[in-house]
């Protein structure tokens, strides 16, 4: 038998869920619809939205056509073009903040801590932040702790206790001046300039 004959003969019992008590379409109505649709595919009918696939030798199931979902990946590129100094210092954060304020003239105030969630339980870290913001030119100076009780903000730079970030409008000359003044602080053991793009965990400095 041809596919068309099978469809016409078994329509009332072979299609689900078009025909049945829950669909509101009787088998007789479906039998009357199928021949017209098969003879004229362009005819408007609910069956035009369905395709037929064999369930057994003489029966066919009705399956809806599904359009594959399109997946879009959003790539966000952050700007790491800022001045970054690594500072080795065993003093408390408020002391180094005060010393930098005296040397550089920045009014550093306690800001919101950076919280980093790690995959391993018990290794989440909270890192102190002191900041001096200039809303007029969208710039800011940040003193960020590199150590928490159980982890590091930048694990590949464990030698440093703090980072000094200058974002927005600061150039190489500003970096050299900040480095010079930071090294003048008596309890600062050492300080170095760091290229943010060289850091594996540089995304932790975006806040």
N, C-alpha and C. Protein backbone atom coordinates (compact mmCIF):
# COMPACT_ATOMS: atom_id res chain seq x y z
N UNK A 1 0.84 -1.21 0.00
CA UNK A 1 0.00 0.00 0.00
C UNK A 1 0.86 1.25 0.00
N UNK A 2 0.39 2.29 -0.63
CA UNK A 2 1.14 3.54 -0.64
C UNK A 2 1.00 4.25 0.70
N UNK A 3 1.89 5.20 0.92
CA UNK A 3 1.84 6.00 2.16
C UNK A 3 0.54 6.76 2.27
N UNK A 4 0.03 7.24 1.14
CA UNK A 4 -1.23 7.98 1.16
C UNK A 4 -2.39 7.11 1.58
N UNK A 5 -2.42 5.86 1.07
CA UNK A 5 -3.50 4.95 1.44
C UNK A 5 -3.47 4.63 2.92
N UNK A 6 -2.26 4.42 3.44
CA UNK A 6 -2.14 4.12 4.88
C UNK A 6 -2.65 5.28 5.71
N UNK A 7 -2.31 6.49 5.31
CA UNK A 7 -2.75 7.66 6.07
C UNK A 7 -4.26 7.79 6.05
N UNK A 8 -4.87 7.56 4.86
CA UNK A 8 -6.32 7.71 4.76
C UNK A 8 -7.03 6.62 5.56
N UNK A 9 -6.48 5.43 5.56
CA UNK A 9 -7.19 4.32 6.19
C UNK A 9 -7.10 4.37 7.71
N UNK A 10 -5.96 4.73 8.22
CA UNK A 10 -5.79 4.63 9.67
C UNK A 10 -5.73 5.94 10.39
N UNK A 11 -6.25 7.01 9.78
CA UNK A 11 -6.09 8.33 10.37
C UNK A 11 -6.72 8.46 11.73
N UNK A 12 -7.94 7.92 11.89
CA UNK A 12 -8.69 8.13 13.13
C UNK A 12 -7.98 7.51 14.32
N UNK A 13 -7.20 6.45 14.11
CA UNK A 13 -6.57 5.80 15.27
C UNK A 13 -5.04 5.92 15.24
N UNK A 14 -4.53 6.49 14.14
CA UNK A 14 -3.08 6.46 13.99
C UNK A 14 -2.41 7.77 14.33
N UNK A 15 -3.17 8.82 14.59
CA UNK A 15 -2.55 10.11 14.85
C UNK A 15 -2.85 10.56 16.27
N UNK A 16 -1.76 11.02 16.93
CA UNK A 16 -1.88 11.50 18.30
C UNK A 16 -0.98 12.72 18.44
N UNK A 17 -1.44 13.81 19.02
CA UNK A 17 -2.70 13.98 19.75
C UNK A 17 -3.76 14.72 18.96
N UNK A 18 -3.72 14.70 17.60
CA UNK A 18 -4.69 15.48 16.85
C UNK A 18 -6.10 14.94 17.06
N UNK A 19 -6.29 13.62 16.91
CA UNK A 19 -7.61 13.01 17.10
C UNK A 19 -7.69 12.38 18.46
N UNK A 20 -8.78 12.57 19.13
CA UNK A 20 -8.95 11.96 20.44
C UNK A 20 -9.86 12.78 21.30
N UNK A 21 -10.26 12.24 22.42
CA UNK A 21 -11.20 12.94 23.32
C UNK A 21 -10.65 14.25 23.82
N UNK A 22 -9.28 14.33 24.05
CA UNK A 22 -8.72 15.52 24.66
C UNK A 22 -8.45 16.61 23.64
N UNK A 23 -8.42 16.24 22.35
CA UNK A 23 -8.05 17.22 21.34
C UNK A 23 -9.24 18.03 20.85
N UNK A 24 -10.45 17.45 20.97
CA UNK A 24 -11.63 18.14 20.43
C UNK A 24 -11.81 17.91 18.95
N UNK A 25 -10.98 17.08 18.33
CA UNK A 25 -11.11 16.75 16.91
C UNK A 25 -11.46 15.27 16.80
N UNK A 26 -12.56 14.95 16.18
CA UNK A 26 -12.98 13.56 16.09
C UNK A 26 -12.22 12.84 14.99
N UNK A 27 -12.23 11.51 15.09
CA UNK A 27 -11.56 10.72 14.06
C UNK A 27 -12.23 10.91 12.72
N UNK A 28 -13.57 11.07 12.70
CA UNK A 28 -14.29 11.26 11.44
C UNK A 28 -13.91 12.57 10.78
N UNK A 29 -13.77 13.62 11.63
CA UNK A 29 -13.38 14.92 11.08
C UNK A 29 -11.98 14.87 10.51
N UNK A 30 -11.13 14.13 11.18
CA UNK A 30 -9.76 14.01 10.71
C UNK A 30 -9.70 13.25 9.41
N UNK A 31 -10.55 12.16 9.28
CA UNK A 31 -10.58 11.39 8.04
C UNK A 31 -11.02 12.27 6.87
N UNK A 32 -11.92 13.21 7.15
CA UNK A 32 -12.41 14.08 6.09
C UNK A 32 -11.38 15.13 5.70
N UNK A 33 -10.44 15.42 6.66
CA UNK A 33 -9.45 16.48 6.42
C UNK A 33 -8.24 15.96 5.69
N UNK A 34 -7.79 14.75 6.05
CA UNK A 34 -6.54 14.21 5.51
C UNK A 34 -6.54 14.10 4.01
N UNK A 35 -7.59 13.51 3.36
CA UNK A 35 -7.54 13.39 1.89
C UNK A 35 -7.39 14.73 1.21
N UNK A 36 -8.09 15.75 1.71
CA UNK A 36 -8.01 17.06 1.08
C UNK A 36 -6.61 17.64 1.20
N UNK A 37 -5.99 17.44 2.35
CA UNK A 37 -4.64 17.96 2.58
C UNK A 37 -3.63 17.24 1.71
N UNK A 38 -3.81 15.87 1.60
CA UNK A 38 -2.87 15.10 0.79
C UNK A 38 -3.02 15.42 -0.68
N UNK A 39 -4.24 15.66 -1.14
CA UNK A 39 -4.46 15.98 -2.54
C UNK A 39 -4.01 17.40 -2.87
N UNK A 40 -4.14 18.30 -1.89
CA UNK A 40 -3.75 19.70 -2.11
C UNK A 40 -2.89 20.17 -0.95
N UNK A 41 -1.56 19.97 -0.99
CA UNK A 41 -0.69 20.31 0.16
C UNK A 41 -0.75 21.76 0.55
N UNK A 42 -1.14 22.63 -0.38
CA UNK A 42 -1.17 24.06 -0.07
C UNK A 42 -2.38 24.45 0.74
N UNK A 43 -3.39 23.52 0.85
CA UNK A 43 -4.62 23.84 1.58
C UNK A 43 -4.32 24.09 3.04
N UNK A 44 -4.95 25.11 3.59
CA UNK A 44 -4.72 25.44 4.99
C UNK A 44 -5.35 24.40 5.88
N UNK A 45 -4.58 23.84 6.77
CA UNK A 45 -5.07 22.82 7.69
C UNK A 45 -4.12 22.71 8.86
N UNK A 46 -4.62 22.35 10.03
CA UNK A 46 -3.71 22.13 11.17
C UNK A 46 -2.65 21.10 10.85
N UNK A 47 -2.94 20.20 9.90
CA UNK A 47 -1.96 19.16 9.60
C UNK A 47 -0.75 19.70 8.88
N UNK A 48 -0.86 20.91 8.32
CA UNK A 48 0.28 21.47 7.63
C UNK A 48 1.44 21.74 8.58
N UNK A 49 1.16 21.79 9.88
CA UNK A 49 2.20 22.06 10.86
C UNK A 49 2.80 20.77 11.40
N UNK A 50 2.47 19.64 10.84
CA UNK A 50 2.93 18.37 11.37
C UNK A 50 3.59 17.55 10.27
N UNK A 51 4.50 16.65 10.68
CA UNK A 51 5.12 15.71 9.75
C UNK A 51 4.84 14.31 10.23
N UNK A 52 4.88 13.35 9.34
CA UNK A 52 4.51 11.98 9.66
C UNK A 52 5.74 11.08 9.72
N UNK A 53 5.81 10.26 10.75
CA UNK A 53 6.91 9.31 10.90
C UNK A 53 6.32 7.96 11.25
N UNK A 54 6.81 6.87 10.64
CA UNK A 54 6.24 5.54 10.89
C UNK A 54 6.48 5.07 12.31
N UNK A 55 5.37 4.60 12.96
CA UNK A 55 5.50 4.00 14.29
C UNK A 55 5.55 2.49 14.16
N UNK A 56 4.83 1.93 13.19
CA UNK A 56 4.88 0.50 12.89
C UNK A 56 4.57 0.34 11.41
N UNK A 57 4.30 -0.88 10.96
CA UNK A 57 4.10 -1.11 9.53
C UNK A 57 2.94 -0.30 8.98
N UNK A 58 1.81 -0.27 9.67
CA UNK A 58 0.62 0.36 9.13
C UNK A 58 0.17 1.59 9.90
N UNK A 59 0.98 2.03 10.85
CA UNK A 59 0.56 3.16 11.66
C UNK A 59 1.60 4.28 11.57
N UNK A 60 1.12 5.51 11.72
CA UNK A 60 1.99 6.67 11.67
C UNK A 60 1.67 7.57 12.86
N UNK A 61 2.73 8.15 13.38
CA UNK A 61 2.56 9.11 14.48
C UNK A 61 2.70 10.51 13.92
N UNK A 62 2.09 11.41 14.57
CA UNK A 62 2.17 12.80 14.17
C UNK A 62 3.14 13.51 15.09
N UNK A 63 4.18 14.13 14.53
CA UNK A 63 5.18 14.81 15.34
C UNK A 63 5.26 16.27 14.90
N UNK A 64 5.39 17.13 15.86
CA UNK A 64 5.51 18.54 15.53
C UNK A 64 6.90 18.82 15.00
N UNK A 65 6.97 19.76 14.06
CA UNK A 65 8.27 20.19 13.56
C UNK A 65 8.88 21.19 14.53
N UNK A 66 10.08 20.93 14.97
CA UNK A 66 10.71 21.81 15.94
C UNK A 66 11.89 22.53 15.29
N UNK A 67 11.92 23.82 15.43
CA UNK A 67 13.03 24.61 14.92
C UNK A 67 14.15 24.64 15.94
N UNK A 68 15.37 24.25 15.57
CA UNK A 68 16.48 24.25 16.54
C UNK A 68 16.71 25.63 17.12
N UNK A 69 16.98 25.68 18.44
CA UNK A 69 17.24 26.95 19.10
C UNK A 69 18.62 27.45 18.73
N UNK A 70 18.72 28.73 18.46
CA UNK A 70 20.00 29.33 18.12
C UNK A 70 20.72 29.72 19.40
N UNK A 71 22.00 29.36 19.49
CA UNK A 71 22.80 29.69 20.66
C UNK A 71 23.73 30.85 20.32
N UNK A 72 23.73 31.86 21.18
CA UNK A 72 24.57 33.03 20.98
C UNK A 72 25.53 33.13 22.16
N UNK A 73 26.79 33.37 21.87
CA UNK A 73 27.80 33.55 22.90
C UNK A 73 28.18 35.02 22.97
N UNK A 74 28.08 35.59 24.16
CA UNK A 74 28.40 36.99 24.37
C UNK A 74 29.79 37.10 24.97
N UNK A 75 30.71 37.64 24.21
CA UNK A 75 32.08 37.82 24.68
C UNK A 75 32.25 39.25 25.17
N UNK A 76 32.64 39.38 26.43
CA UNK A 76 32.85 40.70 27.03
C UNK A 76 34.34 40.93 27.21
N UNK A 77 34.86 41.98 26.61
CA UNK A 77 36.26 42.30 26.74
C UNK A 77 36.42 43.45 27.74
N UNK A 78 37.18 43.20 28.81
CA UNK A 78 37.41 44.21 29.83
C UNK A 78 38.68 45.00 29.50
N UNK A 79 38.70 46.22 29.97
CA UNK A 79 39.85 47.09 29.75
C UNK A 79 40.80 46.97 30.94
N UNK A 80 41.99 46.43 30.69
CA UNK A 80 42.98 46.30 31.75
C UNK A 80 44.09 47.34 31.60
N UNK A 81 43.76 48.44 30.97
CA UNK A 81 44.73 49.51 30.76
C UNK A 81 44.70 50.45 31.96
N UNK A 82 45.32 50.01 33.06
CA UNK A 82 45.40 50.86 34.24
C UNK A 82 46.76 50.63 34.92
N UNK A 83 47.10 51.58 35.77
CA UNK A 83 48.36 51.47 36.52
C UNK A 83 48.17 50.47 37.67
N UNK A 84 49.15 49.58 37.82
CA UNK A 84 49.06 48.56 38.86
C UNK A 84 50.42 48.41 39.54
N UNK A 85 50.41 48.57 40.86
CA UNK A 85 51.61 48.37 41.67
C UNK A 85 51.37 47.23 42.65
N UNK A 86 52.39 46.39 42.84
CA UNK A 86 52.35 45.36 43.86
C UNK A 86 53.17 45.82 45.05
N UNK A 87 52.59 45.72 46.24
CA UNK A 87 53.25 46.23 47.46
C UNK A 87 53.41 45.10 48.46
N UNK A 88 54.64 44.93 48.94
CA UNK A 88 54.91 43.97 50.01
C UNK A 88 55.05 44.74 51.32
N UNK A 89 54.13 44.47 52.23
CA UNK A 89 54.08 45.22 53.48
C UNK A 89 53.34 44.40 54.52
N UNK A 90 53.89 44.29 55.71
CA UNK A 90 53.29 43.45 56.75
C UNK A 90 52.38 44.23 57.69
N UNK A 91 52.18 45.52 57.40
CA UNK A 91 51.34 46.33 58.26
C UNK A 91 49.85 46.14 57.92
N UNK A 92 48.98 46.56 58.81
CA UNK A 92 47.54 46.48 58.60
C UNK A 92 47.12 47.38 57.44
N UNK A 93 45.98 47.06 56.88
CA UNK A 93 45.53 47.79 55.70
C UNK A 93 45.29 49.28 55.98
N UNK A 94 44.79 49.60 57.18
CA UNK A 94 44.51 51.01 57.47
C UNK A 94 45.79 51.82 57.59
N UNK A 95 46.90 51.16 58.00
CA UNK A 95 48.18 51.87 58.12
C UNK A 95 48.79 52.17 56.76
N UNK A 96 48.77 51.19 55.87
CA UNK A 96 49.31 51.44 54.53
C UNK A 96 48.42 52.43 53.78
N UNK A 97 47.13 52.40 54.07
CA UNK A 97 46.21 53.36 53.45
C UNK A 97 46.54 54.78 53.91
N UNK A 98 46.77 54.93 55.17
CA UNK A 98 47.12 56.25 55.72
C UNK A 98 48.44 56.74 55.16
N UNK A 99 49.44 55.84 55.05
CA UNK A 99 50.76 56.22 54.54
C UNK A 99 50.68 56.65 53.07
N UNK A 100 49.91 55.94 52.28
CA UNK A 100 49.75 56.32 50.88
C UNK A 100 49.03 57.65 50.74
N UNK A 101 48.11 57.89 51.64
CA UNK A 101 47.39 59.17 51.64
C UNK A 101 48.36 60.32 51.89
N UNK A 102 49.29 60.09 52.81
CA UNK A 102 50.26 61.13 53.13
C UNK A 102 51.25 61.36 51.99
N UNK A 103 51.67 60.28 51.33
CA UNK A 103 52.68 60.38 50.28
C UNK A 103 52.11 60.86 48.94
N UNK A 104 50.94 60.38 48.60
CA UNK A 104 50.38 60.63 47.27
C UNK A 104 49.25 61.65 47.27
N UNK A 105 48.72 61.96 48.46
CA UNK A 105 47.67 62.96 48.54
C UNK A 105 46.29 62.46 48.18
N UNK A 106 46.12 61.15 48.11
CA UNK A 106 44.80 60.58 47.80
C UNK A 106 44.03 60.34 49.08
N UNK A 107 42.78 60.76 49.09
CA UNK A 107 41.93 60.57 50.27
C UNK A 107 41.30 59.18 50.20
N UNK A 108 42.03 58.18 50.63
CA UNK A 108 41.58 56.78 50.56
C UNK A 108 40.61 56.48 51.69
N UNK A 109 39.42 56.04 51.34
CA UNK A 109 38.40 55.67 52.32
C UNK A 109 38.01 54.20 52.13
N UNK A 110 37.56 53.57 53.20
CA UNK A 110 37.19 52.16 53.12
C UNK A 110 35.99 51.98 52.19
N UNK A 111 36.14 51.09 51.22
CA UNK A 111 35.08 50.79 50.28
C UNK A 111 34.48 49.41 50.54
N UNK A 112 33.76 48.91 49.58
CA UNK A 112 33.14 47.60 49.69
C UNK A 112 34.15 46.51 49.36
N UNK A 113 34.22 45.51 50.21
CA UNK A 113 35.17 44.42 50.00
C UNK A 113 34.90 43.68 48.69
N UNK A 114 35.97 43.14 48.13
CA UNK A 114 35.85 42.24 46.98
C UNK A 114 35.67 40.83 47.51
N UNK A 115 34.63 40.15 47.08
CA UNK A 115 34.36 38.78 47.51
C UNK A 115 34.56 37.86 46.31
N UNK A 116 35.46 36.90 46.45
CA UNK A 116 35.76 35.94 45.39
C UNK A 116 35.28 34.57 45.85
N UNK A 117 34.42 33.95 45.05
CA UNK A 117 33.91 32.61 45.35
C UNK A 117 34.75 31.59 44.60
N UNK A 118 35.37 30.69 45.32
CA UNK A 118 36.19 29.64 44.72
C UNK A 118 35.43 28.34 44.64
N UNK A 119 35.91 27.45 43.79
CA UNK A 119 35.24 26.16 43.61
C UNK A 119 35.40 25.26 44.84
N UNK A 120 36.55 25.34 45.48
CA UNK A 120 36.78 24.49 46.63
C UNK A 120 36.09 25.07 47.87
N UNK A 121 35.36 24.25 48.62
CA UNK A 121 34.68 24.74 49.83
C UNK A 121 35.66 25.31 50.84
N UNK A 122 35.27 26.40 51.48
CA UNK A 122 36.11 26.98 52.52
C UNK A 122 37.20 27.89 52.00
N UNK A 123 37.26 28.12 50.67
CA UNK A 123 38.31 28.96 50.11
C UNK A 123 37.78 30.27 49.54
N UNK A 124 36.55 30.61 49.87
CA UNK A 124 36.02 31.91 49.45
C UNK A 124 36.79 33.01 50.17
N UNK A 125 37.06 34.09 49.46
CA UNK A 125 37.86 35.15 50.06
C UNK A 125 37.18 36.49 50.03
N UNK A 126 37.42 37.29 51.07
CA UNK A 126 36.94 38.66 51.15
C UNK A 126 38.16 39.56 51.31
N UNK A 127 38.31 40.52 50.39
CA UNK A 127 39.52 41.33 50.32
C UNK A 127 39.17 42.80 50.52
N UNK A 128 39.87 43.43 51.47
CA UNK A 128 39.60 44.82 51.82
C UNK A 128 39.95 45.76 50.68
N UNK A 129 39.16 46.81 50.53
CA UNK A 129 39.37 47.82 49.49
C UNK A 129 39.30 49.20 50.11
N UNK A 130 40.30 50.04 49.79
CA UNK A 130 40.27 51.46 50.12
C UNK A 130 40.29 52.22 48.80
N UNK A 131 39.48 53.25 48.68
CA UNK A 131 39.34 53.90 47.39
C UNK A 131 39.25 55.42 47.51
N UNK A 132 39.70 56.06 46.43
CA UNK A 132 39.58 57.51 46.29
C UNK A 132 39.06 57.77 44.88
N UNK A 133 37.81 58.22 44.79
CA UNK A 133 37.14 58.34 43.49
C UNK A 133 37.01 59.79 43.07
N UNK A 134 37.20 60.03 41.78
CA UNK A 134 37.02 61.35 41.19
C UNK A 134 35.94 61.23 40.13
N UNK A 135 34.72 61.61 40.47
CA UNK A 135 33.60 61.47 39.55
C UNK A 135 33.66 62.44 38.38
N UNK A 136 34.45 63.51 38.52
CA UNK A 136 34.53 64.51 37.45
C UNK A 136 35.19 63.94 36.20
N UNK A 137 36.24 63.14 36.37
CA UNK A 137 36.93 62.57 35.21
C UNK A 137 36.88 61.04 35.19
N UNK A 138 35.99 60.48 36.00
CA UNK A 138 35.77 59.02 36.00
C UNK A 138 37.06 58.26 36.25
N UNK A 139 37.81 58.69 37.25
CA UNK A 139 39.06 58.03 37.62
C UNK A 139 38.99 57.60 39.07
N UNK A 140 39.92 56.75 39.46
CA UNK A 140 39.92 56.29 40.84
C UNK A 140 41.23 55.63 41.23
N UNK A 141 41.55 55.73 42.51
CA UNK A 141 42.72 55.07 43.09
C UNK A 141 42.21 54.02 44.08
N UNK A 142 42.74 52.82 44.00
CA UNK A 142 42.26 51.72 44.84
C UNK A 142 43.45 51.01 45.49
N UNK A 143 43.34 50.82 46.77
CA UNK A 143 44.27 49.96 47.50
C UNK A 143 43.52 48.69 47.85
N UNK A 144 44.01 47.56 47.35
CA UNK A 144 43.30 46.29 47.50
C UNK A 144 44.20 45.27 48.18
N UNK A 145 43.67 44.60 49.19
CA UNK A 145 44.42 43.55 49.87
C UNK A 145 44.51 42.32 48.97
N UNK A 146 45.68 41.68 48.97
CA UNK A 146 45.86 40.47 48.17
C UNK A 146 45.62 39.21 48.98
N UNK A 147 45.50 39.35 50.28
CA UNK A 147 45.34 38.17 51.15
C UNK A 147 44.02 38.23 51.92
N UNK A 148 43.40 37.07 52.02
CA UNK A 148 42.29 36.88 52.95
C UNK A 148 42.71 35.79 53.92
N UNK A 149 41.79 35.32 54.73
CA UNK A 149 42.15 34.29 55.71
C UNK A 149 42.51 32.97 55.06
N UNK A 150 41.97 32.71 53.86
CA UNK A 150 42.16 31.38 53.26
C UNK A 150 42.61 31.40 51.81
N UNK A 151 42.76 32.59 51.19
CA UNK A 151 43.10 32.60 49.76
C UNK A 151 43.76 33.91 49.37
N UNK A 152 44.12 34.00 48.09
CA UNK A 152 44.74 35.19 47.52
C UNK A 152 43.85 35.76 46.43
N UNK A 153 43.85 37.07 46.32
CA UNK A 153 43.12 37.71 45.23
C UNK A 153 43.78 37.40 43.89
N UNK A 154 45.10 37.51 43.85
CA UNK A 154 45.91 37.17 42.68
C UNK A 154 46.89 36.08 43.12
N UNK A 155 46.50 34.82 42.99
CA UNK A 155 47.33 33.72 43.52
C UNK A 155 48.73 33.66 42.93
N UNK A 156 48.90 34.10 41.68
CA UNK A 156 50.23 34.03 41.06
C UNK A 156 51.17 35.14 41.55
N UNK A 157 50.66 36.04 42.40
CA UNK A 157 51.48 37.11 42.95
C UNK A 157 51.41 37.08 44.48
N UNK A 158 51.75 35.97 45.06
CA UNK A 158 51.64 35.79 46.52
C UNK A 158 52.67 36.60 47.30
N UNK A 159 53.69 37.09 46.63
CA UNK A 159 54.72 37.87 47.33
C UNK A 159 54.21 39.24 47.75
N UNK A 160 53.13 39.69 47.11
CA UNK A 160 52.60 41.01 47.42
C UNK A 160 51.42 40.91 48.38
N UNK A 161 51.41 41.85 49.34
CA UNK A 161 50.32 41.90 50.32
C UNK A 161 49.19 42.81 49.86
N UNK A 162 49.53 43.81 49.04
CA UNK A 162 48.53 44.77 48.56
C UNK A 162 48.80 45.12 47.10
N UNK A 163 47.75 45.62 46.46
CA UNK A 163 47.86 46.17 45.11
C UNK A 163 47.33 47.59 45.11
N UNK A 164 48.04 48.46 44.40
CA UNK A 164 47.58 49.83 44.22
C UNK A 164 47.19 49.99 42.75
N UNK A 165 45.93 50.30 42.52
CA UNK A 165 45.40 50.46 41.16
C UNK A 165 45.04 51.92 40.92
N UNK A 166 45.42 52.43 39.76
CA UNK A 166 45.04 53.78 39.34
C UNK A 166 44.33 53.66 38.00
N UNK A 167 43.02 53.87 38.01
CA UNK A 167 42.21 53.67 36.81
C UNK A 167 41.71 55.01 36.27
N UNK A 168 41.84 55.17 34.94
CA UNK A 168 41.26 56.34 34.29
C UNK A 168 42.20 57.52 34.17
N UNK A 169 42.90 57.63 33.06
CA UNK A 169 43.68 58.84 32.78
C UNK A 169 45.07 58.89 33.36
N UNK A 170 45.57 57.80 33.92
CA UNK A 170 46.92 57.79 34.47
C UNK A 170 47.87 57.15 33.47
N UNK A 171 49.05 57.76 33.30
CA UNK A 171 50.00 57.29 32.30
C UNK A 171 51.27 56.74 32.95
N UNK A 172 52.25 56.48 32.11
CA UNK A 172 53.51 55.90 32.57
C UNK A 172 54.22 56.80 33.56
N UNK A 173 54.16 58.09 33.33
CA UNK A 173 54.80 59.04 34.23
C UNK A 173 54.15 59.01 35.61
N UNK A 174 52.83 58.93 35.63
CA UNK A 174 52.12 58.82 36.91
C UNK A 174 52.51 57.53 37.64
N UNK A 175 52.65 56.46 36.88
CA UNK A 175 53.02 55.19 37.47
C UNK A 175 54.39 55.27 38.15
N UNK A 176 55.34 55.88 37.48
CA UNK A 176 56.69 56.00 38.05
C UNK A 176 56.68 56.87 39.31
N UNK A 177 55.87 57.92 39.30
CA UNK A 177 55.78 58.79 40.47
C UNK A 177 55.17 58.03 41.66
N UNK A 178 54.08 57.29 41.41
CA UNK A 178 53.45 56.52 42.48
C UNK A 178 54.38 55.45 43.03
N UNK A 179 55.14 54.81 42.15
CA UNK A 179 56.07 53.77 42.59
C UNK A 179 57.17 54.37 43.46
N UNK A 180 57.69 55.50 43.05
CA UNK A 180 58.74 56.17 43.82
C UNK A 180 58.25 56.56 45.20
N UNK A 181 57.07 57.17 45.28
CA UNK A 181 56.54 57.62 46.57
C UNK A 181 56.16 56.44 47.48
N UNK A 182 55.69 55.37 46.88
CA UNK A 182 55.32 54.19 47.67
C UNK A 182 56.56 53.56 48.30
N UNK A 183 57.63 53.52 47.56
CA UNK A 183 58.88 52.94 48.08
C UNK A 183 59.49 53.79 49.19
N UNK A 184 59.08 55.04 49.28
CA UNK A 184 59.60 55.92 50.33
C UNK A 184 58.95 55.65 51.69
N UNK A 185 57.85 54.91 51.73
CA UNK A 185 57.18 54.61 52.99
C UNK A 185 58.07 53.66 53.79
N UNK A 186 58.41 54.00 55.02
CA UNK A 186 59.39 53.23 55.80
C UNK A 186 59.06 51.74 55.96
N UNK A 187 57.80 51.40 56.18
CA UNK A 187 57.47 50.00 56.44
C UNK A 187 57.08 49.21 55.18
N UNK A 188 57.22 49.83 54.03
CA UNK A 188 57.02 49.10 52.77
C UNK A 188 58.31 48.35 52.45
N UNK A 189 58.23 47.03 52.37
CA UNK A 189 59.42 46.21 52.12
C UNK A 189 59.88 46.34 50.67
N UNK A 190 58.93 46.29 49.76
CA UNK A 190 59.24 46.46 48.33
C UNK A 190 57.97 46.77 47.57
N UNK A 191 58.16 47.34 46.39
CA UNK A 191 57.03 47.66 45.53
C UNK A 191 57.50 47.60 44.08
N UNK A 192 56.65 47.07 43.20
CA UNK A 192 57.00 46.93 41.79
C UNK A 192 55.79 47.26 40.92
N UNK A 193 56.09 47.70 39.71
CA UNK A 193 55.05 47.88 38.71
C UNK A 193 54.70 46.53 38.09
N UNK A 194 53.41 46.33 37.79
CA UNK A 194 52.94 45.07 37.22
C UNK A 194 52.09 45.37 36.00
N UNK A 195 52.29 44.57 34.95
CA UNK A 195 51.43 44.66 33.77
C UNK A 195 50.18 43.83 34.03
N UNK A 196 49.00 44.45 34.15
CA UNK A 196 47.77 43.69 34.44
C UNK A 196 47.50 42.57 33.45
N UNK A 197 47.85 42.79 32.18
CA UNK A 197 47.57 41.80 31.15
C UNK A 197 48.42 40.54 31.29
N UNK A 198 49.47 40.60 32.09
CA UNK A 198 50.33 39.43 32.29
C UNK A 198 49.80 38.51 33.39
N UNK A 199 48.76 38.93 34.09
CA UNK A 199 48.23 38.17 35.22
C UNK A 199 47.19 37.17 34.77
N UNK A 200 47.30 35.96 35.26
CA UNK A 200 46.33 34.92 34.95
C UNK A 200 44.97 35.23 35.58
N UNK A 201 44.99 35.85 36.76
CA UNK A 201 43.75 36.14 37.50
C UNK A 201 43.39 37.62 37.42
N UNK A 202 43.73 38.26 36.32
CA UNK A 202 43.49 39.71 36.20
C UNK A 202 42.02 40.09 36.28
N UNK A 203 41.11 39.12 35.97
CA UNK A 203 39.69 39.44 36.04
C UNK A 203 39.25 39.77 37.47
N UNK A 204 40.03 39.34 38.47
CA UNK A 204 39.69 39.65 39.86
C UNK A 204 39.93 41.13 40.19
N UNK A 205 40.60 41.84 39.30
CA UNK A 205 40.84 43.26 39.51
C UNK A 205 39.78 44.14 38.84
N UNK A 206 38.77 43.50 38.27
CA UNK A 206 37.64 44.24 37.69
C UNK A 206 36.53 44.32 38.73
N UNK A 207 36.30 45.51 39.25
CA UNK A 207 35.25 45.69 40.27
C UNK A 207 34.72 47.10 40.19
